[in-house]
Amino acid sequence: MASTEWLAYGALFVLAIVLLLTNQVALATVAIVPLALTSFKYSFPQQKKAQRHR
């Protein structure tokens, strides 16, 4: 995972926490949904294509 992805995930996490602390649940949900969906990308092992040895 690239460092820019870590930065984006961190920013979404901080944004969601701040919005929850200020009682803006609808906006916090908008920040949490993409964070949760992108976490599935790294939850499962990536399958690599089989390489043929010639």
C-alpha atoms as a PDB file:
ATOM      1  CA  MET A   1       0.000   0.000   0.000  1.00  0.00           C
ATOM      2  CA  ALA A   2       1.375   3.354  -0.987  1.00  0.00           C
ATOM      3  CA  SER A   3       2.003   6.089   1.543  1.00  0.00           C
ATOM      4  CA  THR A   4      -0.611   8.280  -0.127  1.00  0.00           C
ATOM      5  CA  GLU A   5      -3.222   5.582   0.530  1.00  0.00           C
ATOM      6  CA  TRP A   6      -2.274   5.517   4.218  1.00  0.00           C
ATOM      7  CA  LEU A   7      -2.623   9.295   4.291  1.00  0.00           C
ATOM      8  CA  ALA A   8      -6.069   9.140   2.680  1.00  0.00           C
ATOM      9  CA  TYR A   9      -7.285   6.439   5.082  1.00  0.00           C
ATOM     10  CA  GLY A  10      -5.947   8.381   8.044  1.00  0.00           C
ATOM     11  CA  ALA A  11      -7.667  11.549   6.881  1.00  0.00           C
ATOM     12  CA  LEU A  12     -10.977   9.723   6.457  1.00  0.00           C
ATOM     13  CA  PHE A  13     -10.621   8.191   9.920  1.00  0.00           C
ATOM     14  CA  VAL A  14      -9.847  11.543  11.564  1.00  0.00           C
ATOM     15  CA  LEU A  15     -12.700  13.194   9.667  1.00  0.00           C
ATOM     16  CA  ALA A  16     -15.149  10.512  10.791  1.00  0.00           C
ATOM     17  CA  ILE A  17     -14.090  10.827  14.447  1.00  0.00           C
ATOM     18  CA  VAL A  18     -14.318  14.626  14.420  1.00  0.00           C
ATOM     19  CA  LEU A  19     -17.749  14.516  12.817  1.00  0.00           C
ATOM     20  CA  LEU A  20     -18.963  11.977  15.363  1.00  0.00           C
ATOM     21  CA  LEU A  21     -17.671  14.113  18.226  1.00  0.00           C
ATOM     22  CA  THR A  22     -19.547  17.132  16.872  1.00  0.00           C
ATOM     23  CA  ASN A  23     -22.795  15.110  16.597  1.00  0.00           C
ATOM     24  CA  GLN A  24     -22.904  15.191  12.809  1.00  0.00           C
ATOM     25  CA  VAL A  25     -23.750  11.538  12.315  1.00  0.00           C
ATOM     26  CA  ALA A  26     -24.988  11.833   8.714  1.00  0.00           C
ATOM     27  CA  LEU A  27     -21.722  13.400   7.549  1.00  0.00           C
ATOM     28  CA  ALA A  28     -19.696  10.931   9.598  1.00  0.00           C
ATOM     29  CA  THR A  29     -21.465   8.101   7.798  1.00  0.00           C
ATOM     30  CA  VAL A  30     -20.408   9.618   4.482  1.00  0.00           C
ATOM     31  CA  ALA A  31     -16.788   9.482   5.704  1.00  0.00           C
ATOM     32  CA  ILE A  32     -17.026   5.991   7.241  1.00  0.00           C
ATOM     33  CA  VAL A  33     -18.596   4.190   4.266  1.00  0.00           C
ATOM     34  CA  PRO A  34     -15.668   4.670   1.830  1.00  0.00           C
ATOM     35  CA  LEU A  35     -13.228   3.878   4.620  1.00  0.00           C
ATOM     36  CA  ALA A  36     -15.004   0.589   5.344  1.00  0.00           C
ATOM     37  CA  LEU A  37     -15.339  -0.327   1.678  1.00  0.00           C
ATOM     38  CA  THR A  38     -11.677   0.270   0.924  1.00  0.00           C
ATOM     39  CA  SER A  39     -10.632  -1.758   3.958  1.00  0.00           C
ATOM     40  CA  PHE A  40     -12.105  -4.820   2.234  1.00  0.00           C
ATOM     41  CA  LYS A  41      -9.525  -4.370  -0.511  1.00  0.00           C
ATOM     42  CA  TYR A  42      -6.762  -5.394   1.899  1.00  0.00           C
ATOM     43  CA  SER A  43      -8.784  -7.803   4.051  1.00  0.00           C
ATOM     44  CA  PHE A  44      -8.485 -10.675   1.628  1.00  0.00           C
ATOM     45  CA  PRO A  45      -5.267 -12.059   0.164  1.00  0.00           C
ATOM     46  CA  GLN A  46      -4.440 -10.886  -3.317  1.00  0.00           C
ATOM     47  CA  GLN A  47      -4.227 -13.676  -5.847  1.00  0.00           C
ATOM     48  CA  LYS A  48      -1.302 -13.422  -8.180  1.00  0.00           C
ATOM     49  CA  LYS A  49      -1.377 -14.728 -11.697  1.00  0.00           C
ATOM     50  CA  ALA A  50       0.446 -17.985 -12.209  1.00  0.00           C
ATOM     51  CA  GLN A  51       3.712 -17.491 -14.021  1.00  0.00           C
ATOM     52  CA  ARG A  52       4.851 -19.984 -16.574  1.00  0.00           C
ATOM     53  CA  HIS A  53       8.459 -21.109 -16.458  1.00  0.00           C
ATOM     54  CA  ARG A  54       9.847 -21.768 -19.903  1.00  0.00           C
END
